[in-house]
Amino acid sequence: MIDFNNSSVFKLGPWDLGQVSSEITPLLVQGEELHAAFKGARDYVVFTSKRLIAVNVQGITGKKRDYTSLPYSKVQAFSVETAGTFDLDAELDLWFSGLGKVRLEFKGQVNIRALSQLIGSYVL
């Protein structure tokens, strides 16, 4: 679960957009497109052309879901940390107006530079 008040960190790995498309597409506005999805143990995040959607899967069965929408228009700054030799995880920090910092930690195989370029193309 993402705890936005405490800038919680959880590790995300790449996930096929086809697996989230049917669930996320009804939430999209006209002209919004899916770009990338990353999954943790149960929760996942989806990057679209307009926002970051964090999905918190709840309950024993996982049928209950919380969808948090974080629009790029509210991003004041962002930071990327690439994976290294000993620290194999990459990190993305986003500072949202009115919310503060949200940190996402990715497993080493994620192309964090491409994700940074995606964020930059919509924020800058």
N, C-alpha and C. Protein backbone atom coordinates (compact mmCIF):
# COMPACT_ATOMS: atom_id res chain seq x y z
N MET A 1 0.84 -1.19 0.00
CA MET A 1 0.00 0.00 0.00
C MET A 1 0.88 1.25 0.00
N ILE A 2 0.47 2.25 -0.71
CA ILE A 2 1.19 3.51 -0.72
C ILE A 2 0.68 4.37 0.42
N ASP A 3 1.57 4.78 1.28
CA ASP A 3 1.21 5.69 2.37
C ASP A 3 1.75 7.06 1.99
N PHE A 4 0.92 7.90 1.37
CA PHE A 4 1.38 9.17 0.85
C PHE A 4 1.84 10.12 1.95
N ASN A 5 1.30 9.96 3.15
CA ASN A 5 1.71 10.83 4.25
C ASN A 5 3.12 10.53 4.73
N ASN A 6 3.57 9.31 4.58
CA ASN A 6 4.90 8.92 5.05
C ASN A 6 5.86 8.62 3.91
N SER A 7 5.50 8.93 2.68
CA SER A 7 6.34 8.66 1.51
C SER A 7 6.83 7.23 1.52
N SER A 8 5.93 6.31 1.70
CA SER A 8 6.26 4.89 1.79
C SER A 8 6.97 4.40 0.54
N VAL A 9 7.86 3.46 0.73
CA VAL A 9 8.62 2.89 -0.37
C VAL A 9 8.20 1.44 -0.56
N PHE A 10 7.92 1.06 -1.77
CA PHE A 10 7.69 -0.34 -2.08
C PHE A 10 8.29 -0.64 -3.44
N LYS A 11 8.79 -1.87 -3.64
CA LYS A 11 9.51 -2.21 -4.87
C LYS A 11 8.55 -2.68 -5.96
N LEU A 12 8.72 -2.08 -7.11
CA LEU A 12 7.86 -2.36 -8.25
C LEU A 12 8.66 -2.98 -9.38
N GLY A 13 8.05 -3.90 -10.07
CA GLY A 13 8.66 -4.50 -11.25
C GLY A 13 7.77 -4.25 -12.45
N PRO A 14 8.32 -4.36 -13.66
CA PRO A 14 7.53 -4.13 -14.87
C PRO A 14 6.32 -5.07 -14.92
N TRP A 15 5.24 -4.56 -15.48
CA TRP A 15 4.02 -5.36 -15.60
C TRP A 15 3.40 -5.08 -16.95
N ASP A 16 2.83 -6.07 -17.55
CA ASP A 16 2.23 -5.98 -18.88
C ASP A 16 0.97 -5.10 -18.83
N LEU A 17 0.92 -4.10 -19.69
CA LEU A 17 -0.25 -3.21 -19.74
C LEU A 17 -1.53 -3.96 -20.07
N GLY A 18 -1.41 -5.06 -20.80
CA GLY A 18 -2.59 -5.85 -21.14
C GLY A 18 -3.31 -6.40 -19.93
N GLN A 19 -2.58 -6.61 -18.85
CA GLN A 19 -3.19 -7.16 -17.64
C GLN A 19 -3.95 -6.11 -16.83
N VAL A 20 -3.68 -4.84 -17.06
CA VAL A 20 -4.37 -3.78 -16.32
C VAL A 20 -5.33 -2.98 -17.20
N SER A 21 -5.24 -3.14 -18.48
CA SER A 21 -6.01 -2.33 -19.41
C SER A 21 -7.51 -2.38 -19.14
N SER A 22 -8.07 -3.56 -18.96
CA SER A 22 -9.52 -3.67 -18.77
C SER A 22 -9.98 -3.03 -17.46
N GLU A 23 -9.12 -2.99 -16.46
CA GLU A 23 -9.48 -2.40 -15.17
C GLU A 23 -9.27 -0.88 -15.15
N ILE A 24 -8.23 -0.40 -15.83
CA ILE A 24 -7.87 1.02 -15.78
C ILE A 24 -8.56 1.84 -16.86
N THR A 25 -8.78 1.28 -18.03
CA THR A 25 -9.36 2.03 -19.14
C THR A 25 -10.66 2.74 -18.79
N PRO A 26 -11.58 2.14 -18.00
CA PRO A 26 -12.80 2.88 -17.65
C PRO A 26 -12.55 4.13 -16.80
N LEU A 27 -11.36 4.25 -16.20
CA LEU A 27 -11.04 5.42 -15.38
C LEU A 27 -10.46 6.57 -16.21
N LEU A 28 -10.06 6.30 -17.43
CA LEU A 28 -9.37 7.29 -18.24
C LEU A 28 -10.32 8.33 -18.82
N VAL A 29 -9.80 9.54 -19.00
CA VAL A 29 -10.58 10.60 -19.65
C VAL A 29 -10.28 10.58 -21.15
N GLN A 30 -11.06 11.32 -21.90
CA GLN A 30 -10.89 11.35 -23.34
C GLN A 30 -9.48 11.80 -23.71
N GLY A 31 -8.84 11.06 -24.58
CA GLY A 31 -7.50 11.38 -25.04
C GLY A 31 -6.38 10.86 -24.15
N GLU A 32 -6.70 10.30 -23.01
CA GLU A 32 -5.68 9.77 -22.09
C GLU A 32 -5.27 8.37 -22.54
N GLU A 33 -3.96 8.11 -22.50
CA GLU A 33 -3.42 6.83 -22.95
C GLU A 33 -2.59 6.18 -21.85
N LEU A 34 -2.58 4.86 -21.84
CA LEU A 34 -1.74 4.09 -20.92
C LEU A 34 -0.32 4.04 -21.48
N HIS A 35 0.68 4.23 -20.61
CA HIS A 35 2.07 4.17 -21.05
C HIS A 35 2.87 3.04 -20.41
N ALA A 36 2.71 2.84 -19.10
CA ALA A 36 3.51 1.83 -18.42
C ALA A 36 2.81 1.41 -17.13
N ALA A 37 3.07 0.16 -16.73
CA ALA A 37 2.51 -0.35 -15.47
C ALA A 37 3.61 -1.08 -14.72
N PHE A 38 3.57 -0.96 -13.39
CA PHE A 38 4.55 -1.60 -12.51
C PHE A 38 3.81 -2.18 -11.32
N LYS A 39 4.19 -3.40 -10.94
CA LYS A 39 3.47 -4.11 -9.89
C LYS A 39 4.38 -4.47 -8.72
N GLY A 40 3.83 -4.31 -7.51
CA GLY A 40 4.48 -4.77 -6.30
C GLY A 40 3.91 -6.13 -5.95
N ALA A 41 3.79 -6.46 -4.68
CA ALA A 41 3.23 -7.74 -4.26
C ALA A 41 1.78 -7.87 -4.73
N ARG A 42 0.94 -6.90 -4.37
CA ARG A 42 -0.46 -6.89 -4.81
C ARG A 42 -0.83 -5.57 -5.45
N ASP A 43 -0.25 -4.50 -4.97
CA ASP A 43 -0.56 -3.16 -5.46
C ASP A 43 0.20 -2.88 -6.74
N TYR A 44 -0.27 -1.90 -7.48
CA TYR A 44 0.44 -1.52 -8.71
C TYR A 44 0.20 -0.06 -9.04
N VAL A 45 1.05 0.46 -9.92
CA VAL A 45 0.92 1.84 -10.40
C VAL A 45 0.91 1.81 -11.92
N VAL A 46 0.15 2.74 -12.47
CA VAL A 46 0.04 2.87 -13.92
C VAL A 46 0.36 4.31 -14.29
N PHE A 47 1.24 4.48 -15.26
CA PHE A 47 1.57 5.80 -15.77
C PHE A 47 0.79 6.01 -17.06
N THR A 48 0.01 7.10 -17.10
CA THR A 48 -0.75 7.43 -18.30
C THR A 48 -0.17 8.72 -18.89
N SER A 49 -0.83 9.22 -19.90
CA SER A 49 -0.39 10.48 -20.51
C SER A 49 -0.78 11.69 -19.68
N LYS A 50 -1.59 11.52 -18.62
CA LYS A 50 -2.03 12.65 -17.81
C LYS A 50 -1.75 12.50 -16.31
N ARG A 51 -1.51 11.28 -15.85
CA ARG A 51 -1.38 11.07 -14.40
C ARG A 51 -0.75 9.72 -14.07
N LEU A 52 -0.49 9.61 -12.79
CA LEU A 52 -0.04 8.35 -12.19
C LEU A 52 -1.25 7.82 -11.42
N ILE A 53 -1.63 6.58 -11.67
CA ILE A 53 -2.74 5.96 -10.95
C ILE A 53 -2.15 4.87 -10.06
N ALA A 54 -2.33 5.02 -8.75
CA ALA A 54 -1.87 4.02 -7.79
C ALA A 54 -3.07 3.19 -7.38
N VAL A 55 -2.93 1.87 -7.50
CA VAL A 55 -4.02 0.96 -7.17
C VAL A 55 -3.63 0.15 -5.95
N ASN A 56 -4.41 0.30 -4.89
CA ASN A 56 -4.20 -0.41 -3.64
C ASN A 56 -5.22 -1.55 -3.59
N VAL A 57 -4.74 -2.78 -3.71
CA VAL A 57 -5.60 -3.95 -3.66
C VAL A 57 -5.83 -4.28 -2.18
N GLN A 58 -7.11 -4.35 -1.77
CA GLN A 58 -7.44 -4.50 -0.36
C GLN A 58 -8.21 -5.80 -0.09
N GLY A 59 -8.22 -6.18 1.15
CA GLY A 59 -9.00 -7.34 1.59
C GLY A 59 -8.34 -8.67 1.26
N ILE A 60 -8.91 -9.72 1.82
CA ILE A 60 -8.36 -11.07 1.63
C ILE A 60 -8.50 -11.51 0.18
N THR A 61 -9.64 -11.23 -0.42
CA THR A 61 -9.89 -11.69 -1.79
C THR A 61 -9.26 -10.78 -2.83
N GLY A 62 -8.97 -9.54 -2.47
CA GLY A 62 -8.39 -8.59 -3.41
C GLY A 62 -9.41 -7.96 -4.35
N LYS A 63 -10.69 -8.15 -4.08
CA LYS A 63 -11.71 -7.58 -4.95
C LYS A 63 -11.93 -6.09 -4.69
N LYS A 64 -11.66 -5.65 -3.47
CA LYS A 64 -11.81 -4.25 -3.13
C LYS A 64 -10.55 -3.51 -3.57
N ARG A 65 -10.72 -2.37 -4.24
CA ARG A 65 -9.59 -1.61 -4.76
C ARG A 65 -9.74 -0.13 -4.42
N ASP A 66 -8.62 0.49 -4.15
CA ASP A 66 -8.58 1.94 -3.96
C ASP A 66 -7.74 2.50 -5.10
N TYR A 67 -8.31 3.43 -5.86
CA TYR A 67 -7.61 4.06 -6.99
C TYR A 67 -7.27 5.49 -6.59
N THR A 68 -5.99 5.81 -6.56
CA THR A 68 -5.55 7.16 -6.26
C THR A 68 -4.96 7.77 -7.52
N SER A 69 -5.48 8.90 -7.92
CA SER A 69 -5.05 9.57 -9.14
C SER A 69 -4.15 10.75 -8.77
N LEU A 70 -2.95 10.75 -9.31
CA LEU A 70 -1.97 11.81 -9.07
C LEU A 70 -1.64 12.49 -10.40
N PRO A 71 -2.29 13.62 -10.70
CA PRO A 71 -2.09 14.27 -11.99
C PRO A 71 -0.71 14.90 -12.13
N TYR A 72 -0.13 14.76 -13.31
CA TYR A 72 1.18 15.35 -13.59
C TYR A 72 1.15 16.87 -13.45
N SER A 73 -0.02 17.47 -13.66
CA SER A 73 -0.12 18.93 -13.56
C SER A 73 0.17 19.43 -12.14
N LYS A 74 0.13 18.56 -11.16
CA LYS A 74 0.41 18.93 -9.77
C LYS A 74 1.84 18.61 -9.34
N VAL A 75 2.65 18.06 -10.24
CA VAL A 75 4.04 17.75 -9.92
C VAL A 75 4.86 19.03 -9.95
N GLN A 76 5.52 19.34 -8.83
CA GLN A 76 6.35 20.54 -8.74
C GLN A 76 7.81 20.22 -9.05
N ALA A 77 8.23 19.00 -8.75
CA ALA A 77 9.61 18.58 -9.02
C ALA A 77 9.64 17.05 -9.02
N PHE A 78 10.68 16.50 -9.63
CA PHE A 78 10.86 15.05 -9.57
C PHE A 78 12.34 14.73 -9.63
N SER A 79 12.67 13.56 -9.10
CA SER A 79 14.06 13.13 -9.01
C SER A 79 14.12 11.64 -9.33
N VAL A 80 15.19 11.23 -10.02
CA VAL A 80 15.39 9.84 -10.37
C VAL A 80 16.75 9.39 -9.86
N GLU A 81 16.79 8.21 -9.27
CA GLU A 81 18.06 7.60 -8.85
C GLU A 81 18.17 6.26 -9.56
N THR A 82 19.23 6.10 -10.33
CA THR A 82 19.42 4.86 -11.08
C THR A 82 19.99 3.77 -10.18
N ALA A 83 19.87 2.54 -10.65
CA ALA A 83 20.44 1.40 -9.93
C ALA A 83 21.96 1.45 -10.05
N GLY A 84 22.63 0.90 -9.05
CA GLY A 84 24.09 0.87 -9.07
C GLY A 84 24.61 -0.55 -9.00
N THR A 85 25.90 -0.67 -8.69
CA THR A 85 26.53 -1.98 -8.62
C THR A 85 26.04 -2.77 -7.41
N PHE A 86 25.96 -2.13 -6.27
CA PHE A 86 25.55 -2.82 -5.06
C PHE A 86 24.09 -2.54 -4.70
N ASP A 87 23.63 -1.34 -4.99
CA ASP A 87 22.23 -0.98 -4.78
C ASP A 87 21.52 -1.20 -6.11
N LEU A 88 20.79 -2.30 -6.23
CA LEU A 88 20.21 -2.70 -7.50
C LEU A 88 18.85 -2.09 -7.79
N ASP A 89 18.37 -1.26 -6.89
CA ASP A 89 17.05 -0.66 -7.06
C ASP A 89 17.17 0.78 -7.57
N ALA A 90 16.16 1.19 -8.34
CA ALA A 90 16.07 2.56 -8.83
C ALA A 90 14.90 3.23 -8.12
N GLU A 91 14.96 4.55 -8.00
CA GLU A 91 13.92 5.28 -7.28
C GLU A 91 13.43 6.48 -8.08
N LEU A 92 12.15 6.76 -7.92
CA LEU A 92 11.53 7.93 -8.52
C LEU A 92 10.83 8.68 -7.40
N ASP A 93 11.23 9.93 -7.19
CA ASP A 93 10.59 10.79 -6.20
C ASP A 93 9.81 11.86 -6.96
N LEU A 94 8.56 12.05 -6.58
CA LEU A 94 7.70 13.07 -7.17
C LEU A 94 7.17 13.96 -6.06
N TRP A 95 7.28 15.27 -6.23
CA TRP A 95 6.74 16.22 -5.25
C TRP A 95 5.47 16.81 -5.82
N PHE A 96 4.35 16.52 -5.17
CA PHE A 96 3.05 16.98 -5.62
C PHE A 96 2.58 18.16 -4.77
N SER A 97 2.04 19.17 -5.42
CA SER A 97 1.46 20.32 -4.74
C SER A 97 0.32 19.85 -3.85
N GLY A 98 0.37 20.21 -2.58
CA GLY A 98 -0.68 19.85 -1.65
C GLY A 98 -0.58 18.46 -1.06
N LEU A 99 0.36 17.66 -1.54
CA LEU A 99 0.49 16.28 -1.07
C LEU A 99 1.87 16.01 -0.49
N GLY A 100 2.88 16.57 -1.12
CA GLY A 100 4.25 16.32 -0.68
C GLY A 100 4.92 15.28 -1.55
N LYS A 101 5.92 14.63 -0.98
CA LYS A 101 6.74 13.70 -1.75
C LYS A 101 6.13 12.30 -1.78
N VAL A 102 6.14 11.72 -2.97
CA VAL A 102 5.75 10.34 -3.17
C VAL A 102 6.98 9.63 -3.74
N ARG A 103 7.39 8.56 -3.10
CA ARG A 103 8.57 7.81 -3.56
C ARG A 103 8.13 6.44 -4.05
N LEU A 104 8.61 6.09 -5.25
CA LEU A 104 8.39 4.77 -5.81
C LEU A 104 9.75 4.12 -6.00
N GLU A 105 9.90 2.90 -5.52
CA GLU A 105 11.16 2.18 -5.66
C GLU A 105 10.94 1.03 -6.63
N PHE A 106 11.84 0.95 -7.61
CA PHE A 106 11.71 -0.03 -8.67
C PHE A 106 12.84 -1.06 -8.60
N LYS A 107 12.53 -2.27 -9.02
CA LYS A 107 13.54 -3.31 -9.12
C LYS A 107 14.51 -2.92 -10.22
N GLY A 108 15.71 -3.45 -10.15
CA GLY A 108 16.80 -3.04 -11.05
C GLY A 108 16.54 -3.15 -12.53
N GLN A 109 15.67 -4.06 -12.97
CA GLN A 109 15.48 -4.25 -14.41
C GLN A 109 14.59 -3.19 -15.05
N VAL A 110 14.07 -2.25 -14.29
CA VAL A 110 13.23 -1.19 -14.82
C VAL A 110 14.10 -0.11 -15.46
N ASN A 111 13.72 0.35 -16.65
CA ASN A 111 14.44 1.41 -17.34
C ASN A 111 13.99 2.75 -16.74
N ILE A 112 14.66 3.15 -15.67
CA ILE A 112 14.26 4.35 -14.93
C ILE A 112 14.49 5.62 -15.75
N ARG A 113 15.46 5.59 -16.65
CA ARG A 113 15.71 6.77 -17.50
C ARG A 113 14.54 7.01 -18.45
N ALA A 114 13.99 5.94 -19.01
CA ALA A 114 12.82 6.08 -19.88
C ALA A 114 11.62 6.59 -19.10
N LEU A 115 11.48 6.13 -17.87
CA LEU A 115 10.39 6.60 -17.01
C LEU A 115 10.57 8.08 -16.68
N SER A 116 11.80 8.49 -16.44
CA SER A 116 12.10 9.90 -16.18
C SER A 116 11.77 10.76 -17.40
N GLN A 117 12.08 10.26 -18.56
CA GLN A 117 11.77 10.98 -19.80
C GLN A 117 10.25 11.10 -19.98
N LEU A 118 9.52 10.04 -19.65
CA LEU A 118 8.06 10.06 -19.74
C LEU A 118 7.49 11.14 -18.81
N ILE A 119 7.93 11.12 -17.56
CA ILE A 119 7.47 12.11 -16.58
C ILE A 119 7.82 13.52 -17.05
N GLY A 120 9.06 13.71 -17.47
CA GLY A 120 9.52 15.01 -17.94
C GLY A 120 8.74 15.55 -19.11
N SER A 121 8.34 14.66 -20.03
CA SER A 121 7.62 15.12 -21.21
C SER A 121 6.24 15.67 -20.85
N TYR A 122 5.67 15.24 -19.73
CA TYR A 122 4.37 15.75 -19.33
C TYR A 122 4.43 16.82 -18.26
N VAL A 123 5.52 16.89 -17.50
CA VAL A 123 5.64 17.85 -16.40
C VAL A 123 6.30 19.14 -16.85
N LEU A 124 7.30 19.05 -17.71
CA LEU A 124 8.08 20.22 -18.09
C LEU A 124 7.44 21.01 -19.23
